[in-house]
Amino acid sequence: MNIRPILPVLFVVALPSVARAEILSVNVPVANFRAGPSTSEPVEFTATRYYPVKVLDREDGWCKIKDFEGDLAWVADRLLAKIKTIVIKVPRGNVREEPTTSAEVAFQAERGEVFKVLERKGRWLHVVDVEGEKGWVREDLAWGTKKVGNAGGSS
């Protein structure tokens, strides 16, 4: 009798393909973020146009997301778009006239305020809010960009 060693058999389990996490933004005036992927699920929170979220998973027209505060929820994918936006992550941040800390402060933005990114110059982001106010924000005051630094004080 010839005895052969038993070779381990590898089973490949087909997992749903999840694209690497991407940042998308609310593209409607107000979006409902729900406890699960259905309109029958309770609304956990709402967010306005330009609110950025990290997409973690997709299921039947819904996106499971994580926001800048670490909250998890589901939102209909048709309410999101690939728009470069940020949300202010510090209690209050200066939005400046030019991309330098020596420039005049145009206005201050509160934690949770959202902006569309028009351009980048080094660590500075030229932004506009939904009402058309523009200015420059240092990227470390915001969440939603590829290069997110630690929260600092007002720049």
Protein backbone atom coordinates (compact mmCIF):
# COMPACT_ATOMS: atom_id res chain seq x y z
CA MET A 1 0.00 0.00 0.00
CA ASN A 2 1.36 3.36 -1.05
CA ILE A 3 0.62 6.17 1.40
CA ARG A 4 0.88 9.73 0.17
CA PRO A 5 0.97 12.74 2.44
CA ILE A 6 -2.25 14.70 2.34
CA LEU A 7 -1.66 18.11 0.85
CA PRO A 8 -3.61 20.99 2.25
CA VAL A 9 -6.39 22.08 -0.04
CA LEU A 10 -6.93 25.78 -0.36
CA PHE A 11 -10.45 26.99 -0.85
CA VAL A 12 -10.93 30.33 -2.49
CA VAL A 13 -13.96 32.09 -1.12
CA ALA A 14 -15.53 34.57 -3.48
CA LEU A 15 -16.07 37.76 -1.57
CA PRO A 16 -18.02 40.66 -2.96
CA SER A 17 -15.62 43.06 -4.58
CA VAL A 18 -15.37 46.20 -2.56
CA ALA A 19 -13.61 49.01 -4.29
CA ARG A 20 -11.06 50.75 -2.16
CA ALA A 21 -12.68 53.31 0.06
CA GLU A 22 -13.32 56.60 -1.67
CA ILE A 23 -14.47 60.01 -0.56
CA LEU A 24 -17.75 61.15 -2.13
CA SER A 25 -19.89 64.18 -1.32
CA VAL A 26 -23.56 64.96 -0.93
CA ASN A 27 -24.82 66.35 -4.24
CA VAL A 28 -28.36 67.37 -3.24
CA PRO A 29 -29.58 70.15 -0.90
CA VAL A 30 -30.17 67.68 2.00
CA ALA A 31 -29.50 63.92 2.28
CA ASN A 32 -30.82 61.47 4.88
CA PHE A 33 -28.28 59.09 6.37
CA ARG A 34 -30.00 55.96 7.69
CA ALA A 35 -29.39 53.09 10.10
CA GLY A 36 -29.58 50.57 7.24
CA PRO A 37 -29.80 50.35 3.44
CA SER A 38 -33.52 51.12 3.08
CA THR A 39 -35.88 54.09 3.21
CA SER A 40 -37.78 52.20 5.92
CA GLU A 41 -34.74 52.44 8.23
CA PRO A 42 -34.64 55.34 10.72
CA VAL A 43 -32.72 58.50 9.80
CA GLU A 44 -29.54 58.74 11.87
CA PHE A 45 -28.60 62.25 10.67
CA THR A 46 -28.97 64.59 7.71
CA ALA A 47 -26.28 66.44 5.81
CA THR A 48 -26.25 69.27 3.29
CA ARG A 49 -24.67 69.66 -0.14
CA TYR A 50 -20.88 69.17 -0.24
CA TYR A 51 -20.75 67.08 2.97
CA PRO A 52 -17.91 64.59 2.35
CA VAL A 53 -18.16 60.94 3.41
CA LYS A 54 -15.92 57.89 3.06
CA VAL A 55 -17.70 55.05 1.25
CA LEU A 56 -16.95 51.75 3.00
CA ASP A 57 -19.34 49.40 1.18
CA ARG A 58 -22.09 49.34 -1.46
CA GLU A 59 -25.30 47.33 -1.47
CA ASP A 60 -28.26 47.53 -3.87
CA GLY A 61 -28.02 51.25 -4.62
CA TRP A 62 -26.91 52.20 -1.09
CA CYS A 63 -23.54 53.23 0.31
CA LYS A 64 -22.34 52.46 3.82
CA ILE A 65 -20.37 55.51 4.87
CA LYS A 66 -18.19 56.91 7.63
CA ASP A 67 -18.08 60.65 8.22
CA PHE A 68 -15.44 62.94 9.73
CA GLU A 69 -16.72 62.23 13.25
CA GLY A 70 -16.53 58.46 12.73
CA ASP A 71 -20.30 58.00 12.48
CA LEU A 72 -21.47 55.09 10.32
CA ALA A 73 -24.68 55.22 8.28
CA TRP A 74 -26.25 54.31 4.93
CA VAL A 75 -27.20 56.72 2.16
CA ALA A 76 -28.69 56.22 -1.30
CA ASP A 77 -25.77 56.31 -3.73
CA ARG A 78 -27.70 58.58 -6.13
CA LEU A 79 -27.37 61.36 -3.51
CA LEU A 80 -23.57 61.28 -3.67
CA ALA A 81 -21.11 62.43 -6.31
CA LYS A 82 -17.38 62.60 -6.86
CA ILE A 83 -16.90 66.25 -5.89
CA LYS A 84 -13.82 67.49 -4.05
CA THR A 85 -15.15 68.86 -0.78
CA ILE A 86 -14.10 69.30 2.83
CA VAL A 87 -15.70 69.67 6.24
CA ILE A 88 -14.10 71.77 8.96
CA LYS A 89 -12.94 69.43 11.75
CA VAL A 90 -11.71 71.99 14.30
CA PRO A 91 -13.96 74.08 16.58
CA ARG A 92 -13.29 77.24 14.52
CA GLY A 93 -10.99 77.81 11.56
CA ASN A 94 -9.92 80.92 9.72
CA VAL A 95 -10.80 81.16 6.03
CA ARG A 96 -8.26 83.59 4.56
CA GLU A 97 -8.11 85.93 1.57
CA GLU A 98 -4.88 84.33 0.29
CA PRO A 99 -3.09 81.00 0.91
CA THR A 100 -0.89 82.20 3.77
CA THR A 101 -1.30 82.70 7.52
CA SER A 102 -0.28 86.34 7.09
CA ALA A 103 -3.31 87.03 4.83
CA GLU A 104 -6.46 88.73 6.12
CA VAL A 105 -9.16 86.49 7.56
CA ALA A 106 -12.14 86.58 5.17
CA PHE A 107 -14.41 84.81 7.69
CA GLN A 108 -14.35 82.01 10.23
CA ALA A 109 -15.81 78.57 9.70
CA GLU A 110 -17.28 76.45 12.48
CA ARG A 111 -16.78 72.71 12.99
CA GLY A 112 -19.03 70.82 10.56
CA GLU A 113 -19.21 73.55 7.90
CA VAL A 114 -18.70 72.22 4.38
CA PHE A 115 -16.97 73.65 1.33
CA LYS A 116 -16.31 72.69 -2.29
CA VAL A 117 -12.59 72.67 -3.12
CA LEU A 118 -11.77 74.82 -6.14
CA GLU A 119 -7.99 74.32 -6.15
CA ARG A 120 -5.01 73.38 -4.01
CA LYS A 121 -1.76 75.30 -3.48
CA GLY A 122 0.55 73.24 -1.31
CA ARG A 123 -1.16 72.80 2.08
CA TRP A 124 -3.85 75.35 1.24
CA LEU A 125 -7.28 74.73 -0.27
CA HIS A 126 -9.23 77.40 -2.17
CA VAL A 127 -12.83 76.74 -1.16
CA VAL A 128 -16.38 78.00 -1.70
CA ASP A 129 -19.48 77.35 0.40
CA VAL A 130 -23.02 76.79 -0.90
CA GLU A 131 -23.73 80.52 -0.59
CA GLY A 132 -20.72 81.47 -2.73
CA GLU A 133 -18.34 82.70 -0.02
CA LYS A 134 -14.75 81.94 -1.01
CA GLY A 135 -11.42 81.79 0.73
CA TRP A 136 -8.39 79.69 1.58
CA VAL A 137 -8.30 77.02 4.30
CA ARG A 138 -5.23 75.17 5.52
CA GLU A 139 -5.79 71.44 4.88
CA ASP A 140 -5.05 70.44 8.49
CA LEU A 141 -8.23 72.23 9.60
CA ALA A 142 -10.38 70.05 7.35
CA TRP A 143 -11.43 66.46 6.64
CA GLY A 144 -12.16 65.11 3.18
CA THR A 145 -8.89 65.67 1.34
CA LYS A 146 -6.37 62.96 0.57
CA LYS A 147 -3.78 64.68 2.74
CA VAL A 148 -5.52 65.04 6.08
CA GLY A 149 -3.28 66.24 8.89
CA ASN A 150 -3.86 66.51 12.61
CA ALA A 151 -6.37 69.07 13.81
CA GLY A 152 -4.70 72.27 14.81
CA GLY A 153 -5.97 75.59 16.02
CA SER A 154 -7.10 78.44 13.83
CA SER A 155 -4.67 79.17 11.04
